[in-house]
């Protein structure tokens, strides 16, 4: 079998071996990981407190009040 594809006339192509990190390498240093984990725990705690607050979702909002007033002024009431 003869290959008839032309060879590149430029300089030889250098192949680069992939860099494989050591097995014990860490992508995120421990100090930054602890800081991020603490911030995430604080965020989860805050979100949990606010999402379980029934007042947060049953409070009348400005847009609803304006919309209700607008509907009340229509002649058909719709």
PDB file of N, CA and C in Angstrom:
ATOM      1  N   UNK A   1       0.842  -1.170   0.000  1.00  0.00           N
ATOM      2  CA  UNK A   1       0.000   0.000   0.000  1.00  0.00           C
ATOM      3  C   UNK A   1       0.889   1.235   0.000  1.00  0.00           C
ATOM      4  N   UNK A   2       0.659   2.092  -0.964  1.00  0.00           N
ATOM      5  CA  UNK A   2       1.462   3.303  -1.104  1.00  0.00           C
ATOM      6  C   UNK A   2       0.575   4.503  -0.795  1.00  0.00           C
ATOM      7  N   UNK A   3       1.054   5.358   0.105  1.00  0.00           N
ATOM      8  CA  UNK A   3       0.315   6.571   0.431  1.00  0.00           C
ATOM      9  C   UNK A   3       0.700   7.657  -0.553  1.00  0.00           C
ATOM     10  N   UNK A   4      -0.281   8.265  -1.142  1.00  0.00           N
ATOM     11  CA  UNK A   4       0.002   9.298  -2.139  1.00  0.00           C
ATOM     12  C   UNK A   4      -0.287  10.700  -1.616  1.00  0.00           C
ATOM     13  N   UNK A   5      -0.545  10.832  -0.333  1.00  0.00           N
ATOM     14  CA  UNK A   5      -0.818  12.171   0.190  1.00  0.00           C
ATOM     15  C   UNK A   5       0.475  12.968   0.226  1.00  0.00           C
ATOM     16  N   UNK A   6       0.383  14.233  -0.132  1.00  0.00           N
ATOM     17  CA  UNK A   6       1.614  15.037  -0.139  1.00  0.00           C
ATOM     18  C   UNK A   6       2.092  15.324   1.286  1.00  0.00           C
ATOM     19  N   UNK A   7       3.375  15.362   1.437  1.00  0.00           N
ATOM     20  CA  UNK A   7       3.959  15.684   2.733  1.00  0.00           C
ATOM     21  C   UNK A   7       4.060  17.196   2.869  1.00  0.00           C
ATOM     22  N   UNK A   8       3.914  17.710   4.101  1.00  0.00           N
ATOM     23  CA  UNK A   8       4.048  19.157   4.267  1.00  0.00           C
ATOM     24  C   UNK A   8       5.469  19.586   3.932  1.00  0.00           C
ATOM     25  N   UNK A   9       5.571  20.693   3.219  1.00  0.00           N
ATOM     26  CA  UNK A   9       6.898  21.157   2.805  1.00  0.00           C
ATOM     27  C   UNK A   9       7.534  22.061   3.852  1.00  0.00           C
ATOM     28  N   UNK A  10       6.761  22.483   4.841  1.00  0.00           N
ATOM     29  CA  UNK A  10       7.284  23.373   5.875  1.00  0.00           C
ATOM     30  C   UNK A  10       8.090  22.612   6.914  1.00  0.00           C
ATOM     31  N   UNK A  11       8.364  23.292   8.022  1.00  0.00           N
ATOM     32  CA  UNK A  11       9.128  22.623   9.083  1.00  0.00           C
ATOM     33  C   UNK A  11       8.330  21.461   9.678  1.00  0.00           C
ATOM     34  N   UNK A  12       9.039  20.563  10.262  1.00  0.00           N
ATOM     35  CA  UNK A  12       8.406  19.371  10.829  1.00  0.00           C
ATOM     36  C   UNK A  12       7.455  19.767  11.963  1.00  0.00           C
ATOM     37  N   UNK A  13       6.367  19.053  12.042  1.00  0.00           N
ATOM     38  CA  UNK A  13       5.383  19.308  13.089  1.00  0.00           C
ATOM     39  C   UNK A  13       5.854  18.628  14.365  1.00  0.00           C
ATOM     40  N   UNK A  14       5.891  19.389  15.428  1.00  0.00           N
ATOM     41  CA  UNK A  14       6.321  18.822  16.707  1.00  0.00           C
ATOM     42  C   UNK A  14       5.096  18.344  17.472  1.00  0.00           C
ATOM     43  N   UNK A  15       5.153  17.168  17.934  1.00  0.00           N
ATOM     44  CA  UNK A  15       4.060  16.631  18.734  1.00  0.00           C
ATOM     45  C   UNK A  15       4.352  16.926  20.201  1.00  0.00           C
ATOM     46  N   UNK A  16       3.315  17.377  20.886  1.00  0.00           N
ATOM     47  CA  UNK A  16       3.462  17.711  22.298  1.00  0.00           C
ATOM     48  C   UNK A  16       2.755  16.640  23.109  1.00  0.00           C
ATOM     49  N   UNK A  17       3.472  16.097  24.044  1.00  0.00           N
ATOM     50  CA  UNK A  17       2.876  15.077  24.908  1.00  0.00           C
ATOM     51  C   UNK A  17       1.937  15.759  25.900  1.00  0.00           C
ATOM     52  N   UNK A  18       0.779  15.179  26.156  1.00  0.00           N
ATOM     53  CA  UNK A  18      -0.135  15.797  27.122  1.00  0.00           C
ATOM     54  C   UNK A  18       0.475  15.807  28.523  1.00  0.00           C
ATOM     55  N   UNK A  19       0.177  16.868  29.246  1.00  0.00           N
ATOM     56  CA  UNK A  19       0.686  16.991  30.606  1.00  0.00           C
ATOM     57  C   UNK A  19      -0.344  16.374  31.544  1.00  0.00           C
ATOM     58  N   UNK A  20       0.077  15.406  32.274  1.00  0.00           N
ATOM     59  CA  UNK A  20      -0.813  14.730  33.212  1.00  0.00           C
ATOM     60  C   UNK A  20      -0.369  15.104  34.621  1.00  0.00           C
ATOM     61  N   UNK A  21      -1.276  15.710  35.402  1.00  0.00           N
ATOM     62  CA  UNK A  21      -0.877  16.077  36.761  1.00  0.00           C
ATOM     63  C   UNK A  21      -0.682  14.836  37.626  1.00  0.00           C
ATOM     64  N   UNK A  22       0.114  14.967  38.668  1.00  0.00           N
ATOM     65  CA  UNK A  22       0.290  13.824  39.567  1.00  0.00           C
ATOM     66  C   UNK A  22      -1.036  13.430  40.219  1.00  0.00           C
ATOM     67  N   UNK A  23      -1.144  12.205  40.654  1.00  0.00           N
ATOM     68  CA  UNK A  23      -2.393  11.714  41.222  1.00  0.00           C
ATOM     69  C   UNK A  23      -2.798  12.453  42.494  1.00  0.00           C
ATOM     70  N   UNK A  24      -1.835  12.961  43.253  1.00  0.00           N
ATOM     71  CA  UNK A  24      -2.166  13.644  44.500  1.00  0.00           C
ATOM     72  C   UNK A  24      -2.320  15.156  44.311  1.00  0.00           C
ATOM     73  N   UNK A  25      -2.339  15.631  43.076  1.00  0.00           N
ATOM     74  CA  UNK A  25      -2.481  17.067  42.816  1.00  0.00           C
ATOM     75  C   UNK A  25      -3.908  17.513  43.123  1.00  0.00           C
ATOM     76  N   UNK A  26      -4.046  18.751  43.604  1.00  0.00           N
ATOM     77  CA  UNK A  26      -5.355  19.314  43.919  1.00  0.00           C
ATOM     78  C   UNK A  26      -5.609  20.501  43.007  1.00  0.00           C
ATOM     79  N   UNK A  27      -6.798  20.549  42.416  1.00  0.00           N
ATOM     80  CA  UNK A  27      -7.137  21.648  41.513  1.00  0.00           C
ATOM     81  C   UNK A  27      -7.339  22.947  42.281  1.00  0.00           C
ATOM     82  N   UNK A  28      -7.904  22.854  43.478  1.00  0.00           N
ATOM     83  CA  UNK A  28      -8.146  24.036  44.303  1.00  0.00           C
ATOM     84  C   UNK A  28      -7.354  23.858  45.592  1.00  0.00           C
ATOM     85  N   UNK A  29      -6.507  24.831  45.915  1.00  0.00           N
ATOM     86  CA  UNK A  29      -5.730  24.720  47.154  1.00  0.00           C
ATOM     87  C   UNK A  29      -6.646  24.610  48.377  1.00  0.00           C
ATOM     88  N   UNK A  30      -6.200  23.932  49.423  1.00  0.00           N
ATOM     89  CA  UNK A  30      -7.057  23.694  50.597  1.00  0.00           C
ATOM     90  C   UNK A  30      -7.613  24.966  51.238  1.00  0.00           C
ATOM     91  N   UNK A  31      -6.820  26.025  51.333  1.00  0.00           N
ATOM     92  CA  UNK A  31      -7.300  27.259  51.975  1.00  0.00           C
ATOM     93  C   UNK A  31      -8.467  27.859  51.195  1.00  0.00           C
ATOM     94  N   UNK A  32      -8.327  27.936  49.869  1.00  0.00           N
ATOM     95  CA  UNK A  32      -9.404  28.481  49.047  1.00  0.00           C
ATOM     96  C   UNK A  32     -10.622  27.566  49.057  1.00  0.00           C
ATOM     97  N   UNK A  33     -10.402  26.262  49.101  1.00  0.00           N
ATOM     98  CA  UNK A  33     -11.516  25.317  49.141  1.00  0.00           C
ATOM     99  C   UNK A  33     -12.320  25.487  50.428  1.00  0.00           C
ATOM    100  N   UNK A  34     -11.622  25.641  51.570  1.00  0.00           N
ATOM    101  CA  UNK A  34     -12.318  25.833  52.846  1.00  0.00           C
ATOM    102  C   UNK A  34     -13.101  27.143  52.845  1.00  0.00           C
ATOM    103  N   UNK A  35     -12.497  28.189  52.281  1.00  0.00           N
ATOM    104  CA  UNK A  35     -13.175  29.489  52.216  1.00  0.00           C
ATOM    105  C   UNK A  35     -14.435  29.394  51.348  1.00  0.00           C
ATOM    106  N   UNK A  36     -14.324  28.733  50.200  1.00  0.00           N
ATOM    107  CA  UNK A  36     -15.474  28.588  49.302  1.00  0.00           C
ATOM    108  C   UNK A  36     -16.552  27.703  49.926  1.00  0.00           C
ATOM    109  N   UNK A  37     -16.146  26.658  50.624  1.00  0.00           N
ATOM    110  CA  UNK A  37     -17.116  25.777  51.278  1.00  0.00           C
ATOM    111  C   UNK A  37     -17.868  26.518  52.371  1.00  0.00           C
ATOM    112  N   UNK A  38     -17.152  27.357  53.140  1.00  0.00           N
ATOM    113  CA  UNK A  38     -17.801  28.140  54.195  1.00  0.00           C
ATOM    114  C   UNK A  38     -18.784  29.141  53.597  1.00  0.00           C
ATOM    115  N   UNK A  39     -18.390  29.794  52.496  1.00  0.00           N
ATOM    116  CA  UNK A  39     -19.281  30.759  51.844  1.00  0.00           C
ATOM    117  C   UNK A  39     -20.517  30.057  51.287  1.00  0.00           C
ATOM    118  N   UNK A  40     -20.337  28.881  50.724  1.00  0.00           N
ATOM    119  CA  UNK A  40     -21.469  28.126  50.186  1.00  0.00           C
ATOM    120  C   UNK A  40     -22.413  27.670  51.300  1.00  0.00           C
ATOM    121  N   UNK A  41     -21.853  27.269  52.436  1.00  0.00           N
ATOM    122  CA  UNK A  41     -22.691  26.866  53.572  1.00  0.00           C
ATOM    123  C   UNK A  41     -23.487  28.054  54.096  1.00  0.00           C
ATOM    124  N   UNK A  42     -22.845  29.223  54.155  1.00  0.00           N
ATOM    125  CA  UNK A  42     -23.547  30.431  54.611  1.00  0.00           C
ATOM    126  C   UNK A  42     -24.669  30.804  53.641  1.00  0.00           C
ATOM    127  N   UNK A  43     -24.393  30.701  52.350  1.00  0.00           N
ATOM    128  CA  UNK A  43     -25.404  31.003  51.340  1.00  0.00           C
ATOM    129  C   UNK A  43     -26.578  30.023  51.434  1.00  0.00           C
ATOM    130  N   UNK A  44     -26.282  28.754  51.620  1.00  0.00           N
ATOM    131  CA  UNK A  44     -27.344  27.751  51.738  1.00  0.00           C
ATOM    132  C   UNK A  44     -28.186  27.999  52.983  1.00  0.00           C
ATOM    133  N   UNK A  45     -27.538  28.386  54.082  1.00  0.00           N
ATOM    134  CA  UNK A  45     -28.267  28.672  55.317  1.00  0.00           C
ATOM    135  C   UNK A  45     -29.173  29.882  55.144  1.00  0.00           C
ATOM    136  N   UNK A  46     -28.643  30.935  54.523  1.00  0.00           N
ATOM    137  CA  UNK A  46     -29.432  32.147  54.295  1.00  0.00           C
ATOM    138  C   UNK A  46     -30.610  31.861  53.375  1.00  0.00           C
ATOM    139  N   UNK A  47     -30.360  31.133  52.303  1.00  0.00           N
ATOM    140  CA  UNK A  47     -31.446  30.802  51.375  1.00  0.00           C
ATOM    141  C   UNK A  47     -32.499  29.946  52.067  1.00  0.00           C
ATOM    142  N   UNK A  48     -32.068  29.023  52.912  1.00  0.00           N
ATOM    143  CA  UNK A  48     -33.010  28.183  53.635  1.00  0.00           C
ATOM    144  C   UNK A  48     -33.886  28.984  54.576  1.00  0.00           C
ATOM    145  N   UNK A  49     -33.293  29.988  55.228  1.00  0.00           N
ATOM    146  CA  UNK A  49     -34.082  30.818  56.135  1.00  0.00           C
ATOM    147  C   UNK A  49     -35.088  31.663  55.374  1.00  0.00           C
ATOM    148  N   UNK A  50     -34.677  32.216  54.245  1.00  0.00           N
ATOM    149  CA  UNK A  50     -35.577  33.096  53.500  1.00  0.00           C
ATOM    150  C   UNK A  50     -36.647  32.321  52.742  1.00  0.00           C
ATOM    151  N   UNK A  51     -36.306  31.164  52.234  1.00  0.00           N
ATOM    152  CA  UNK A  51     -37.282  30.403  51.462  1.00  0.00           C
ATOM    153  C   UNK A  51     -38.344  29.758  52.344  1.00  0.00           C
ATOM    154  N   UNK A  52     -38.043  29.572  53.623  1.00  0.00           N
ATOM    155  CA  UNK A  52     -39.046  29.010  54.522  1.00  0.00           C
ATOM    156  C   UNK A  52     -39.849  30.093  55.223  1.00  0.00           C
ATOM    157  N   UNK A  53     -39.575  31.357  54.910  1.00  0.00           N
ATOM    158  CA  UNK A  53     -40.309  32.470  55.507  1.00  0.00           C
ATOM    159  C   UNK A  53     -41.633  32.622  54.763  1.00  0.00           C
ATOM    160  N   UNK A  54     -42.774  32.294  55.380  1.00  0.00           N
ATOM    161  CA  UNK A  54     -44.046  32.382  54.658  1.00  0.00           C
ATOM    162  C   UNK A  54     -44.424  33.815  54.317  1.00  0.00           C
ATOM    163  N   UNK A  55     -43.909  34.761  55.081  1.00  0.00           N
ATOM    164  CA  UNK A  55     -44.215  36.163  54.824  1.00  0.00           C
ATOM    165  C   UNK A  55     -43.628  36.632  53.494  1.00  0.00           C
ATOM    166  N   UNK A  56     -42.534  36.007  53.099  1.00  0.00           N
ATOM    167  CA  UNK A  56     -41.842  36.434  51.882  1.00  0.00           C
ATOM    168  C   UNK A  56     -42.714  36.247  50.647  1.00  0.00           C
ATOM    169  N   UNK A  57     -43.491  35.167  50.604  1.00  0.00           N
ATOM    170  CA  UNK A  57     -44.269  34.869  49.415  1.00  0.00           C
ATOM    171  C   UNK A  57     -45.716  35.338  49.497  1.00  0.00           C
ATOM    172  N   UNK A  58     -46.189  35.701  50.692  1.00  0.00           N
ATOM    173  CA  UNK A  58     -47.574  36.131  50.827  1.00  0.00           C
ATOM    174  C   UNK A  58     -47.713  37.635  50.961  1.00  0.00           C
ATOM    175  N   UNK A  59     -46.631  38.325  50.870  1.00  0.00           N
ATOM    176  CA  UNK A  59     -46.635  39.771  50.953  1.00  0.00           C
ATOM    177  C   UNK A  59     -47.171  40.336  49.638  1.00  0.00           C
ATOM    178  N   UNK A  60     -48.109  41.279  49.662  1.00  0.00           N
ATOM    179  CA  UNK A  60     -48.570  41.846  48.392  1.00  0.00           C
ATOM    180  C   UNK A  60     -47.446  42.630  47.732  1.00  0.00           C
ATOM    181  N   UNK A  61     -47.298  42.444  46.461  1.00  0.00           N
ATOM    182  CA  UNK A  61     -46.241  43.138  45.727  1.00  0.00           C
ATOM    183  C   UNK A  61     -46.821  44.337  45.000  1.00  0.00           C
ATOM    184  N   UNK A  62     -45.977  45.308  44.732  1.00  0.00           N
ATOM    185  CA  UNK A  62     -46.403  46.546  44.092  1.00  0.00           C
ATOM    186  C   UNK A  62     -47.056  46.268  42.742  1.00  0.00           C
ATOM    187  N   UNK A  63     -46.452  45.381  41.958  1.00  0.00           N
ATOM    188  CA  UNK A  63     -46.974  45.109  40.622  1.00  0.00           C
ATOM    189  C   UNK A  63     -48.390  44.540  40.694  1.00  0.00           C
ATOM    190  N   UNK A  64     -48.642  43.670  41.651  1.00  0.00           N
ATOM    191  CA  UNK A  64     -49.972  43.084  41.808  1.00  0.00           C
ATOM    192  C   UNK A  64     -50.988  44.159  42.175  1.00  0.00           C
ATOM    193  N   UNK A  65     -50.599  45.062  43.063  1.00  0.00           N
ATOM    194  CA  UNK A  65     -51.502  46.135  43.482  1.00  0.00           C
ATOM    195  C   UNK A  65     -51.828  47.033  42.297  1.00  0.00           C
ATOM    196  N   UNK A  66     -50.830  47.408  41.522  1.00  0.00           N
ATOM    197  CA  UNK A  66     -51.059  48.264  40.353  1.00  0.00           C
ATOM    198  C   UNK A  66     -51.945  47.543  39.349  1.00  0.00           C
ATOM    199  N   UNK A  67     -51.704  46.272  39.127  1.00  0.00           N
ATOM    200  CA  UNK A  67     -52.488  45.498  38.172  1.00  0.00           C
ATOM    201  C   UNK A  67     -53.947  45.400  38.627  1.00  0.00           C
ATOM    202  N   UNK A  68     -54.160  45.195  39.923  1.00  0.00           N
ATOM    203  CA  UNK A  68     -55.525  45.108  40.450  1.00  0.00           C
ATOM    204  C   UNK A  68     -56.247  46.436  40.282  1.00  0.00           C
ATOM    205  N   UNK A  69     -55.558  47.530  40.535  1.00  0.00           N
ATOM    206  CA  UNK A  69     -56.179  48.847  40.354  1.00  0.00           C
ATOM    207  C   UNK A  69     -56.549  49.071  38.894  1.00  0.00           C
ATOM    208  N   UNK A  70     -55.674  48.664  38.011  1.00  0.00           N
ATOM    209  CA  UNK A  70     -55.939  48.834  36.581  1.00  0.00           C
ATOM    210  C   UNK A  70     -57.157  48.009  36.168  1.00  0.00           C
ATOM    211  N   UNK A  71     -57.243  46.790  36.671  1.00  0.00           N
ATOM    212  CA  UNK A  71     -58.386  45.938  36.331  1.00  0.00           C
ATOM    213  C   UNK A  71     -59.682  46.487  36.917  1.00  0.00           C
ATOM    214  N   UNK A  72     -59.602  47.105  38.082  1.00  0.00           N
ATOM    215  CA  UNK A  72     -60.805  47.646  38.718  1.00  0.00           C
ATOM    216  C   UNK A  72     -61.361  48.823  37.929  1.00  0.00           C
ATOM    217  N   UNK A  73     -60.515  49.518  37.163  1.00  0.00           N
ATOM    218  CA  UNK A  73     -60.977  50.676  36.395  1.00  0.00           C
ATOM    219  C   UNK A  73     -61.587  50.288  35.060  1.00  0.00           C
ATOM    220  N   UNK A  74     -61.413  49.069  34.640  1.00  0.00           N
ATOM    221  CA  UNK A  74     -61.966  48.674  33.344  1.00  0.00           C
ATOM    222  C   UNK A  74     -63.479  48.537  33.453  1.00  0.00           C
ATOM    223  N   UNK A  75     -64.214  48.892  32.408  1.00  0.00           N
ATOM    224  CA  UNK A  75     -65.673  48.844  32.482  1.00  0.00           C
ATOM    225  C   UNK A  75     -66.222  47.428  32.656  1.00  0.00           C
ATOM    226  N   UNK A  76     -65.550  46.436  32.104  1.00  0.00           N
ATOM    227  CA  UNK A  76     -66.075  45.073  32.208  1.00  0.00           C
ATOM    228  C   UNK A  76     -65.631  44.400  33.495  1.00  0.00           C
ATOM    229  N   UNK A  77     -64.645  44.956  34.156  1.00  0.00           N
ATOM    230  CA  UNK A  77     -64.142  44.345  35.380  1.00  0.00           C
ATOM    231  C   UNK A  77     -63.226  43.168  35.134  1.00  0.00           C
ATOM    232  N   UNK A  78     -62.871  42.944  33.924  1.00  0.00           N
ATOM    233  CA  UNK A  78     -61.995  41.827  33.572  1.00  0.00           C
ATOM    234  C   UNK A  78     -60.623  42.290  33.439  1.00  0.00           C
TER     235      UNK A  78
END
